[in-house]
PDB file of N, CA and C in Angstrom:
ATOM      1  N   MET A   1     122.092  76.629   6.921  1.00  0.00           N
ATOM      2  CA  MET A   1     122.693  76.407   8.063  1.00  0.00           C
ATOM      3  C   MET A   1     124.264  76.579   8.243  1.00  0.00           C
ATOM      4  N   ILE A   2     124.712  77.283   9.341  1.00  0.00           N
ATOM      5  CA  ILE A   2     126.240  77.235   9.215  1.00  0.00           C
ATOM      6  C   ILE A   2     126.642  76.281  10.591  1.00  0.00           C
ATOM      7  N   ASN A   3     127.643  75.313  10.074  1.00  0.00           N
ATOM      8  CA  ASN A   3     127.977  74.379  10.748  1.00  0.00           C
ATOM      9  C   ASN A   3     129.217  74.897  11.410  1.00  0.00           C
ATOM     10  N   VAL A   4     129.217  74.960  12.843  1.00  0.00           N
ATOM     11  CA  VAL A   4     130.288  75.384  13.512  1.00  0.00           C
ATOM     12  C   VAL A   4     131.076  74.282  14.447  1.00  0.00           C
ATOM     13  N   GLY A   5     132.527  74.465  14.514  1.00  0.00           N
ATOM     14  CA  GLY A   5     133.268  73.639  14.917  1.00  0.00           C
ATOM     15  C   GLY A   5     133.954  74.602  16.196  1.00  0.00           C
ATOM     16  N   ILE A   6     133.991  74.131  17.407  1.00  0.00           N
ATOM     17  CA  ILE A   6     134.488  74.970  18.378  1.00  0.00           C
ATOM     18  C   ILE A   6     135.836  74.284  19.113  1.00  0.00           C
ATOM     19  N   ILE A   7     136.926  74.891  19.012  1.00  0.00           N
ATOM     20  CA  ILE A   7     138.097  74.264  19.484  1.00  0.00           C
ATOM     21  C   ILE A   7     138.196  74.802  21.054  1.00  0.00           C
ATOM     22  N   GLY A   8     138.240  74.150  22.067  1.00  0.00           N
ATOM     23  CA  GLY A   8     138.303  74.638  23.318  1.00  0.00           C
ATOM     24  C   GLY A   8     136.986  74.734  24.190  1.00  0.00           C
ATOM     25  N   MET A   9     136.594  73.972  24.772  1.00  0.00           N
ATOM     26  CA  MET A   9     135.259  73.809  25.544  1.00  0.00           C
ATOM     27  C   MET A   9     135.189  74.254  26.993  1.00  0.00           C
ATOM     28  N   GLY A  10     136.196  75.108  27.403  1.00  0.00           N
ATOM     29  CA  GLY A  10     136.186  75.635  28.622  1.00  0.00           C
ATOM     30  C   GLY A  10     135.153  76.749  28.743  1.00  0.00           C
ATOM     31  N   ARG A  11     135.023  77.501  29.730  1.00  0.00           N
ATOM     32  CA  ARG A  11     134.004  78.490  29.931  1.00  0.00           C
ATOM     33  C   ARG A  11     133.784  79.271  28.752  1.00  0.00           C
ATOM     34  N   SER A  12     134.741  79.904  28.205  1.00  0.00           N
ATOM     35  CA  SER A  12     134.414  80.476  26.769  1.00  0.00           C
ATOM     36  C   SER A  12     133.923  79.757  25.791  1.00  0.00           C
ATOM     37  N   GLY A  13     134.432  78.731  25.457  1.00  0.00           N
ATOM     38  CA  GLY A  13     133.920  77.871  24.529  1.00  0.00           C
ATOM     39  C   GLY A  13     132.682  77.378  24.619  1.00  0.00           C
ATOM     40  N   TRP A  14     132.194  77.158  25.880  1.00  0.00           N
ATOM     41  CA  TRP A  14     131.061  76.626  26.060  1.00  0.00           C
ATOM     42  C   TRP A  14     129.929  77.736  26.442  1.00  0.00           C
ATOM     43  N   GLU A  15     130.077  78.654  27.182  1.00  0.00           N
ATOM     44  CA  GLU A  15     129.113  79.385  27.621  1.00  0.00           C
ATOM     45  C   GLU A  15     129.042  80.723  26.854  1.00  0.00           C
ATOM     46  N   LEU A  16     130.205  81.099  25.995  1.00  0.00           N
ATOM     47  CA  LEU A  16     130.214  82.121  25.337  1.00  0.00           C
ATOM     48  C   LEU A  16     129.928  82.096  23.820  1.00  0.00           C
ATOM     49  N   HIS A  17     130.176  80.731  23.420  1.00  0.00           N
ATOM     50  CA  HIS A  17     129.872  80.344  22.081  1.00  0.00           C
ATOM     51  C   HIS A  17     128.944  79.115  21.846  1.00  0.00           C
ATOM     52  N   ALA A  18     129.273  77.958  22.387  1.00  0.00           N
ATOM     53  CA  ALA A  18     128.170  77.031  21.954  1.00  0.00           C
ATOM     54  C   ALA A  18     127.003  77.106  22.711  1.00  0.00           C
ATOM     55  N   ALA A  19     126.807  77.335  23.778  1.00  0.00           N
ATOM     56  CA  ALA A  19     125.358  77.553  24.286  1.00  0.00           C
ATOM     57  C   ALA A  19     124.552  78.638  23.537  1.00  0.00           C
ATOM     58  N   PRO A  20     125.231  79.882  23.108  1.00  0.00           N
ATOM     59  CA  PRO A  20     124.281  80.787  22.471  1.00  0.00           C
ATOM     60  C   PRO A  20     123.969  80.569  21.100  1.00  0.00           C
ATOM     61  N   LEU A  21     125.076  79.765  20.397  1.00  0.00           N
ATOM     62  CA  LEU A  21     124.969  79.249  19.192  1.00  0.00           C
ATOM     63  C   LEU A  21     123.984  78.241  18.894  1.00  0.00           C
ATOM     64  N   SER A  22     123.830  77.427  19.988  1.00  0.00           N
ATOM     65  CA  SER A  22     122.881  76.356  19.869  1.00  0.00           C
ATOM     66  C   SER A  22     121.653  76.765  19.993  1.00  0.00           C
ATOM     67  N   LYS A  23     121.068  78.094  20.293  1.00  0.00           N
ATOM     68  CA  LYS A  23     119.775  78.547  20.374  1.00  0.00           C
ATOM     69  C   LYS A  23     119.482  79.483  19.112  1.00  0.00           C
ATOM     70  N   MET A  24     120.529  79.659  18.082  1.00  0.00           N
ATOM     71  CA  MET A  24     120.185  80.217  16.926  1.00  0.00           C
ATOM     72  C   MET A  24     119.921  79.373  15.928  1.00  0.00           C
ATOM     73  N   ASP A  25     118.857  79.937  15.121  1.00  0.00           N
ATOM     74  CA  ASP A  25     118.028  79.053  14.012  1.00  0.00           C
ATOM     75  C   ASP A  25     119.207  78.694  12.940  1.00  0.00           C
ATOM     76  N   ASP A  26     119.917  79.526  12.527  1.00  0.00           N
ATOM     77  CA  ASP A  26     120.937  79.452  11.491  1.00  0.00           C
ATOM     78  C   ASP A  26     122.436  78.912  11.842  1.00  0.00           C
ATOM     79  N   TYR A  27     122.587  78.519  12.973  1.00  0.00           N
ATOM     80  CA  TYR A  27     123.736  77.852  13.309  1.00  0.00           C
ATOM     81  C   TYR A  27     123.589  76.623  14.093  1.00  0.00           C
ATOM     82  N   LYS A  28     124.615  75.448  13.767  1.00  0.00           N
ATOM     83  CA  LYS A  28     124.540  74.266  14.542  1.00  0.00           C
ATOM     84  C   LYS A  28     125.898  74.077  15.068  1.00  0.00           C
ATOM     85  N   VAL A  29     126.049  73.745  16.265  1.00  0.00           N
ATOM     86  CA  VAL A  29     127.292  73.105  16.961  1.00  0.00           C
ATOM     87  C   VAL A  29     127.366  71.877  16.266  1.00  0.00           C
ATOM     88  N   HIS A  30     128.247  71.723  15.130  1.00  0.00           N
ATOM     89  CA  HIS A  30     128.476  70.457  14.581  1.00  0.00           C
ATOM     90  C   HIS A  30     129.656  69.543  15.410  1.00  0.00           C
ATOM     91  N   ALA A  31     130.603  70.259  15.753  1.00  0.00           N
ATOM     92  CA  ALA A  31     131.666  69.578  16.290  1.00  0.00           C
ATOM     93  C   ALA A  31     132.371  70.408  17.344  1.00  0.00           C
ATOM     94  N   VAL A  32     132.986  69.692  18.358  1.00  0.00           N
ATOM     95  CA  VAL A  32     134.034  70.387  19.407  1.00  0.00           C
ATOM     96  C   VAL A  32     135.214  69.724  19.476  1.00  0.00           C
ATOM     97  N   CYS A  33     136.204  70.364  19.886  1.00  0.00           N
ATOM     98  CA  CYS A  33     137.556  69.634  20.151  1.00  0.00           C
ATOM     99  C   CYS A  33     137.994  70.241  21.614  1.00  0.00           C
ATOM    100  N   ASP A  34     138.361  69.418  22.163  1.00  0.00           N
ATOM    101  CA  ASP A  34     139.071  69.545  23.683  1.00  0.00           C
ATOM    102  C   ASP A  34     139.928  68.429  24.086  1.00  0.00           C
ATOM    103  N   GLN A  35     140.728  68.749  25.073  1.00  0.00           N
ATOM    104  CA  GLN A  35     141.543  67.469  25.628  1.00  0.00           C
ATOM    105  C   GLN A  35     140.722  66.724  26.804  1.00  0.00           C
ATOM    106  N   SER A  36     139.841  67.329  27.108  1.00  0.00           N
ATOM    107  CA  SER A  36     138.895  66.631  28.120  1.00  0.00           C
ATOM    108  C   SER A  36     137.838  65.801  27.875  1.00  0.00           C
ATOM    109  N   THR A  37     138.087  64.613  28.008  1.00  0.00           N
ATOM    110  CA  THR A  37     136.984  63.697  27.496  1.00  0.00           C
ATOM    111  C   THR A  37     135.598  63.834  28.051  1.00  0.00           C
ATOM    112  N   ALA A  38     135.809  64.428  29.552  1.00  0.00           N
ATOM    113  CA  ALA A  38     134.220  64.791  30.315  1.00  0.00           C
ATOM    114  C   ALA A  38     133.733  65.880  29.508  1.00  0.00           C
ATOM    115  N   ARG A  39     134.461  66.971  29.107  1.00  0.00           N
ATOM    116  CA  ARG A  39     133.882  68.107  28.581  1.00  0.00           C
ATOM    117  C   ARG A  39     133.386  67.577  26.999  1.00  0.00           C
ATOM    118  N   LEU A  40     133.979  66.679  26.408  1.00  0.00           N
ATOM    119  CA  LEU A  40     133.599  66.171  25.035  1.00  0.00           C
ATOM    120  C   LEU A  40     132.201  65.374  25.312  1.00  0.00           C
ATOM    121  N   GLU A  41     132.259  64.579  26.267  1.00  0.00           N
ATOM    122  CA  GLU A  41     130.859  63.874  26.426  1.00  0.00           C
ATOM    123  C   GLU A  41     129.889  64.689  26.818  1.00  0.00           C
ATOM    124  N   ALA A  42     130.127  65.713  27.662  1.00  0.00           N
ATOM    125  CA  ALA A  42     129.145  66.647  28.065  1.00  0.00           C
ATOM    126  C   ALA A  42     128.563  67.287  26.737  1.00  0.00           C
ATOM    127  N   ALA A  43     129.463  67.758  25.738  1.00  0.00           N
ATOM    128  CA  ALA A  43     129.258  68.713  24.774  1.00  0.00           C
ATOM    129  C   ALA A  43     128.356  67.667  23.766  1.00  0.00           C
ATOM    130  N   GLU A  44     128.755  66.479  23.220  1.00  0.00           N
ATOM    131  CA  GLU A  44     128.207  65.551  22.472  1.00  0.00           C
ATOM    132  C   GLU A  44     126.648  65.580  22.966  1.00  0.00           C
ATOM    133  N   LYS A  45     126.316  65.345  24.271  1.00  0.00           N
ATOM    134  CA  LYS A  45     125.126  65.282  24.773  1.00  0.00           C
ATOM    135  C   LYS A  45     124.100  66.462  24.509  1.00  0.00           C
ATOM    136  N   ALA A  46     124.771  67.607  25.030  1.00  0.00           N
ATOM    137  CA  ALA A  46     124.227  68.906  24.935  1.00  0.00           C
ATOM    138  C   ALA A  46     123.889  69.328  23.702  1.00  0.00           C
ATOM    139  N   PHE A  47     124.751  69.227  22.673  1.00  0.00           N
ATOM    140  CA  PHE A  47     124.576  69.722  21.407  1.00  0.00           C
ATOM    141  C   PHE A  47     124.513  68.911  20.338  1.00  0.00           C
ATOM    142  N   ALA A  48     124.610  67.726  20.531  1.00  0.00           N
ATOM    143  CA  ALA A  48     124.353  66.381  19.500  1.00  0.00           C
ATOM    144  C   ALA A  48     125.556  66.533  18.483  1.00  0.00           C
ATOM    145  N   ALA A  49     126.793  67.068  19.079  1.00  0.00           N
ATOM    146  CA  ALA A  49     128.005  67.384  18.342  1.00  0.00           C
ATOM    147  C   ALA A  49     128.932  66.155  18.086  1.00  0.00           C
ATOM    148  N   LYS A  50     129.696  66.209  17.056  1.00  0.00           N
ATOM    149  CA  LYS A  50     130.757  65.344  17.140  1.00  0.00           C
ATOM    150  C   LYS A  50     131.683  65.811  17.891  1.00  0.00           C
ATOM    151  N   SER A  51     132.846  64.824  18.235  1.00  0.00           N
ATOM    152  CA  SER A  51     133.855  65.539  19.349  1.00  0.00           C
ATOM    153  C   SER A  51     135.208  64.754  18.883  1.00  0.00           C
ATOM    154  N   TYR A  52     136.100  65.801  18.925  1.00  0.00           N
ATOM    155  CA  TYR A  52     137.536  65.292  18.451  1.00  0.00           C
ATOM    156  C   TYR A  52     138.420  65.706  19.462  1.00  0.00           C
ATOM    157  N   THR A  53     139.624  64.958  19.763  1.00  0.00           N
ATOM    158  CA  THR A  53     140.546  65.400  20.580  1.00  0.00           C
ATOM    159  C   THR A  53     141.816  65.966  19.805  1.00  0.00           C
ATOM    160  N   ASP A  54     141.901  65.847  18.612  1.00  0.00           N
ATOM    161  CA  ASP A  54     142.960  66.566  17.643  1.00  0.00           C
ATOM    162  C   ASP A  54     142.038  67.620  16.729  1.00  0.00           C
ATOM    163  N   THR A  55     142.913  68.788  16.869  1.00  0.00           N
ATOM    164  CA  THR A  55     142.167  69.798  16.054  1.00  0.00           C
ATOM    165  C   THR A  55     142.404  69.578  14.492  1.00  0.00           C
ATOM    166  N   LYS A  56     143.165  68.811  14.134  1.00  0.00           N
ATOM    167  CA  LYS A  56     143.561  68.694  12.726  1.00  0.00           C
ATOM    168  C   LYS A  56     142.170  67.679  12.075  1.00  0.00           C
ATOM    169  N   GLN A  57     141.771  66.960  12.799  1.00  0.00           N
ATOM    170  CA  GLN A  57     140.509  66.117  12.601  1.00  0.00           C
ATOM    171  C   GLN A  57     139.264  67.161  12.502  1.00  0.00           C
ATOM    172  N   LEU A  58     139.168  67.930  13.450  1.00  0.00           N
ATOM    173  CA  LEU A  58     138.159  68.911  13.222  1.00  0.00           C
ATOM    174  C   LEU A  58     138.133  69.718  12.188  1.00  0.00           C
ATOM    175  N   LEU A  59     139.327  70.357  11.882  1.00  0.00           N
ATOM    176  CA  LEU A  59     139.650  70.960  10.886  1.00  0.00           C
ATOM    177  C   LEU A  59     139.411  70.436   9.318  1.00  0.00           C
ATOM    178  N   ASN A  60     139.678  69.156   9.185  1.00  0.00           N
ATOM    179  CA  ASN A  60     139.506  68.461   8.280  1.00  0.00           C
ATOM    180  C   ASN A  60     137.904  67.993   8.034  1.00  0.00           C
ATOM    181  N   ASP A  61     137.389  68.250   9.040  1.00  0.00           N
ATOM    182  CA  ASP A  61     135.843  67.828   8.815  1.00  0.00           C
ATOM    183  C   ASP A  61     135.100  68.937   7.634  1.00  0.00           C
ATOM    184  N   PRO A  62     134.819  68.082   6.538  1.00  0.00           N
ATOM    185  CA  PRO A  62     134.486  68.852   5.210  1.00  0.00           C
ATOM    186  C   PRO A  62     132.842  69.592   5.808  1.00  0.00           C
ATOM    187  N   ASP A  63     132.254  69.108   6.793  1.00  0.00           N
ATOM    188  CA  ASP A  63     130.834  69.890   7.021  1.00  0.00           C
ATOM    189  C   ASP A  63     131.035  71.078   7.890  1.00  0.00           C
ATOM    190  N   ILE A  64     132.103  71.325   8.335  1.00  0.00           N
ATOM    191  CA  ILE A  64     132.315  72.516   9.222  1.00  0.00           C
ATOM    192  C   ILE A  64     132.642  73.869   8.480  1.00  0.00           C
ATOM    193  N   ASP A  65     131.855  74.801   8.429  1.00  0.00           N
ATOM    194  CA  ASP A  65     131.866  76.269   8.025  1.00  0.00           C
ATOM    195  C   ASP A  65     132.666  77.224   8.728  1.00  0.00           C
ATOM    196  N   LEU A  66     132.357  77.197   9.780  1.00  0.00           N
ATOM    197  CA  LEU A  66     132.971  78.246  10.775  1.00  0.00           C
ATOM    198  C   LEU A  66     133.597  77.549  12.127  1.00  0.00           C
ATOM    199  N   VAL A  67     134.896  78.068  12.204  1.00  0.00           N
ATOM    200  CA  VAL A  67     135.863  77.482  13.434  1.00  0.00           C
ATOM    201  C   VAL A  67     135.768  78.518  14.301  1.00  0.00           C
ATOM    202  N   VAL A  68     135.472  78.248  15.680  1.00  0.00           N
ATOM    203  CA  VAL A  68     135.694  79.291  16.934  1.00  0.00           C
ATOM    204  C   VAL A  68     137.049  78.622  17.568  1.00  0.00           C
ATOM    205  N   VAL A  69     137.874  79.651  17.777  1.00  0.00           N
ATOM    206  CA  VAL A  69     138.879  79.418  18.370  1.00  0.00           C
ATOM    207  C   VAL A  69     138.945  79.988  19.876  1.00  0.00           C
ATOM    208  N   ALA A  70     138.711  78.897  20.897  1.00  0.00           N
ATOM    209  CA  ALA A  70     138.453  79.309  22.131  1.00  0.00           C
ATOM    210  C   ALA A  70     139.346  78.770  23.216  1.00  0.00           C
ATOM    211  N   VAL A  71     140.684  78.733  22.893  1.00  0.00           N
ATOM    212  CA  VAL A  71     141.629  78.156  23.777  1.00  0.00           C
ATOM    213  C   VAL A  71     142.699  79.252  24.370  1.00  0.00           C
ATOM    214  N   PRO A  72     143.605  78.964  25.204  1.00  0.00           N
ATOM    215  CA  PRO A  72     144.500  80.020  25.702  1.00  0.00           C
ATOM    216  C   PRO A  72     145.016  80.579  24.623  1.00  0.00           C
ATOM    217  N   GLY A  73     145.254  81.931  24.829  1.00  0.00           N
ATOM    218  CA  GLY A  73     145.917  82.926  23.921  1.00  0.00           C
ATOM    219  C   GLY A  73     147.078  82.471  23.112  1.00  0.00           C
ATOM    220  N   HIS A  74     148.215  81.928  23.810  1.00  0.00           N
ATOM    221  CA  HIS A  74     149.330  81.676  22.976  1.00  0.00           C
ATOM    222  C   HIS A  74     149.042  80.534  22.104  1.00  0.00           C
ATOM    223  N   LEU A  75     147.860  80.109  21.828  1.00  0.00           N
ATOM    224  CA  LEU A  75     147.639  78.979  20.628  1.00  0.00           C
ATOM    225  C   LEU A  75     146.683  79.634  19.712  1.00  0.00           C
ATOM    226  N   HIS A  76     146.294  80.860  19.920  1.00  0.00           N
ATOM    227  CA  HIS A  76     145.293  81.490  18.927  1.00  0.00           C
ATOM    228  C   HIS A  76     145.876  81.584  17.813  1.00  0.00           C
ATOM    229  N   THR A  77     147.122  81.868  17.405  1.00  0.00           N
ATOM    230  CA  THR A  77     147.750  82.305  16.092  1.00  0.00           C
ATOM    231  C   THR A  77     147.854  81.158  15.274  1.00  0.00           C
ATOM    232  N   SER A  78     148.351  80.123  15.714  1.00  0.00           N
ATOM    233  CA  SER A  78     148.684  78.879  14.911  1.00  0.00           C
ATOM    234  C   SER A  78     147.328  78.163  14.645  1.00  0.00           C
ATOM    235  N   LEU A  79     146.460  78.076  15.590  1.00  0.00           N
ATOM    236  CA  LEU A  79     145.009  77.451  15.246  1.00  0.00           C
ATOM    237  C   LEU A  79     144.271  78.261  14.154  1.00  0.00           C
ATOM    238  N   THR A  80     144.363  79.595  14.332  1.00  0.00           N
ATOM    239  CA  THR A  80     143.764  80.642  13.242  1.00  0.00           C
ATOM    240  C   THR A  80     144.282  80.138  12.213  1.00  0.00           C
ATOM    241  N   ILE A  81     145.507  80.482  11.931  1.00  0.00           N
ATOM    242  CA  ILE A  81     146.212  80.176  10.614  1.00  0.00           C
ATOM    243  C   ILE A  81     145.919  78.617  10.019  1.00  0.00           C
ATOM    244  N   SER A  82     145.838  77.813  10.984  1.00  0.00           N
ATOM    245  CA  SER A  82     145.483  76.394  10.287  1.00  0.00           C
ATOM    246  C   SER A  82     144.019  76.457  10.109  1.00  0.00           C
ATOM    247  N   ALA A  83     143.110  76.833  10.757  1.00  0.00           N
ATOM    248  CA  ALA A  83     141.692  76.938  10.263  1.00  0.00           C
ATOM    249  C   ALA A  83     141.530  77.727   9.132  1.00  0.00           C
ATOM    250  N   LEU A  84     142.123  78.825   8.729  1.00  0.00           N
ATOM    251  CA  LEU A  84     141.918  79.635   7.636  1.00  0.00           C
ATOM    252  C   LEU A  84     142.849  78.786   6.369  1.00  0.00           C
ATOM    253  N   GLU A  85     143.672  78.099   6.461  1.00  0.00           N
ATOM    254  CA  GLU A  85     144.307  77.330   5.298  1.00  0.00           C
ATOM    255  C   GLU A  85     143.685  76.122   5.097  1.00  0.00           C
ATOM    256  N   ALA A  86     142.633  75.713   6.038  1.00  0.00           N
ATOM    257  CA  ALA A  86     141.775  74.546   5.967  1.00  0.00           C
ATOM    258  C   ALA A  86     140.460  74.957   5.121  1.00  0.00           C
ATOM    259  N   GLY A  87     140.440  76.305   4.773  1.00  0.00           N
ATOM    260  CA  GLY A  87     139.207  76.933   4.135  1.00  0.00           C
ATOM    261  C   GLY A  87     138.128  77.320   5.076  1.00  0.00           C
ATOM    262  N   LYS A  88     138.421  77.368   6.295  1.00  0.00           N
ATOM    263  CA  LYS A  88     137.273  77.801   7.271  1.00  0.00           C
ATOM    264  C   LYS A  88     137.034  79.219   7.502  1.00  0.00           C
ATOM    265  N   HIS A  89     136.076  79.722   7.757  1.00  0.00           N
ATOM    266  CA  HIS A  89     135.816  81.060   8.437  1.00  0.00           C
ATOM    267  C   HIS A  89     136.092  80.852  10.015  1.00  0.00           C
ATOM    268  N   VAL A  90     136.658  82.034  10.363  1.00  0.00           N
ATOM    269  CA  VAL A  90     137.227  81.874  11.838  1.00  0.00           C
ATOM    270  C   VAL A  90     136.595  82.957  12.996  1.00  0.00           C
ATOM    271  N   VAL A  91     136.236  82.743  13.859  1.00  0.00           N
ATOM    272  CA  VAL A  91     136.345  83.496  15.008  1.00  0.00           C
ATOM    273  C   VAL A  91     137.175  83.157  16.036  1.00  0.00           C
ATOM    274  N   VAL A  92     137.924  84.143  16.610  1.00  0.00           N
ATOM    275  CA  VAL A  92     139.030  83.951  17.433  1.00  0.00           C
ATOM    276  C   VAL A  92     138.788  84.791  18.596  1.00  0.00           C
ATOM    277  N   GLU A  93     138.941  84.167  19.815  1.00  0.00           N
ATOM    278  CA  GLU A  93     139.062  84.941  21.105  1.00  0.00           C
ATOM    279  C   GLU A  93     140.000  85.889  21.095  1.00  0.00           C
ATOM    280  N   LYS A  94     139.879  86.973  22.069  1.00  0.00           N
ATOM    281  CA  LYS A  94     141.095  87.864  22.029  1.00  0.00           C
ATOM    282  C   LYS A  94     141.969  87.417  23.069  1.00  0.00           C
ATOM    283  N   PRO A  95     143.339  87.728  22.988  1.00  0.00           N
ATOM    284  CA  PRO A  95     143.863  88.496  21.991  1.00  0.00           C
ATOM    285  C   PRO A  95     144.191  87.650  20.823  1.00  0.00           C
ATOM    286  N   MET A  96     143.862  88.176  19.477  1.00  0.00           N
ATOM    287  CA  MET A  96     144.029  87.437  18.387  1.00  0.00           C
ATOM    288  C   MET A  96     145.218  86.895  18.069  1.00  0.00           C
ATOM    289  N   THR A  97     146.369  87.728  18.451  1.00  0.00           N
ATOM    290  CA  THR A  97     147.731  87.160  18.633  1.00  0.00           C
ATOM    291  C   THR A  97     148.363  87.874  19.668  1.00  0.00           C
ATOM    292  N   ASN A  98     149.597  87.571  19.852  1.00  0.00           N
ATOM    293  CA  ASN A  98     150.381  88.024  20.785  1.00  0.00           C
ATOM    294  C   ASN A  98     151.695  89.067  20.410  1.00  0.00           C
ATOM    295  N   SER A  99     151.607  89.302  19.120  1.00  0.00           N
ATOM    296  CA  SER A  99     152.618  90.253  18.518  1.00  0.00           C
ATOM    297  C   SER A  99     152.056  90.659  17.181  1.00  0.00           C
ATOM    298  N   LEU A 100     152.764  91.845  16.620  1.00  0.00           N
ATOM    299  CA  LEU A 100     152.235  92.344  15.500  1.00  0.00           C
ATOM    300  C   LEU A 100     152.762  91.415  14.355  1.00  0.00           C
ATOM    301  N   LYS A 101     154.115  90.686  14.645  1.00  0.00           N
ATOM    302  CA  LYS A 101     154.540  89.587  13.561  1.00  0.00           C
ATOM    303  C   LYS A 101     153.763  88.524  13.403  1.00  0.00           C
ATOM    304  N   GLU A 102     153.109  88.125  14.592  1.00  0.00           N
ATOM    305  CA  GLU A 102     151.903  87.142  14.514  1.00  0.00           C
ATOM    306  C   GLU A 102     150.690  87.375  13.651  1.00  0.00           C
ATOM    307  N   ALA A 103     150.307  88.659  14.011  1.00  0.00           N
ATOM    308  CA  ALA A 103     149.053  89.358  13.129  1.00  0.00           C
ATOM    309  C   ALA A 103     149.413  89.354  11.696  1.00  0.00           C
ATOM    310  N   ASP A 104     150.716  89.814  11.459  1.00  0.00           N
ATOM    311  CA  ASP A 104     150.793  89.922   9.903  1.00  0.00           C
ATOM    312  C   ASP A 104     151.180  88.479   9.214  1.00  0.00           C
ATOM    313  N   GLN A 105     151.241  87.323   9.936  1.00  0.00           N
ATOM    314  CA  GLN A 105     151.165  86.061   9.301  1.00  0.00           C
ATOM    315  C   GLN A 105     149.896  85.781   8.846  1.00  0.00           C
TER     316      GLN A 105
END
C-alpha cells in the first residue's frame, strides 16, 4: 500500500488525484493539506484521511510515501524540494517550476 499525502485540495487535488487514487487498490489517500477547513473536513469524510493546514506537518508524517503537489504553480518548486528533502516521492502538477534555475535546484 502506498500512502499518499496531497497538498492542495482544489479541483486538481481532489478530482485529478484524490478521487482516482482512492479507487486504486495499491494507493490510500492517507493525508491532505489545504487552507480551507471546509475542504479538509470534506476530504476527511470522503477519504478517511488525516488533515493538515501546515505542509510541514504533512511532510513530517512518517506514514506518507508519496506527496502530490497540487497547488498554484508559483509554490511548486519550494514544496517539491521540501517533500524530496523529507524523503518522499513526489508528483507535481505542471509547470514543475517557473524557470530553468528553479528546475536545477
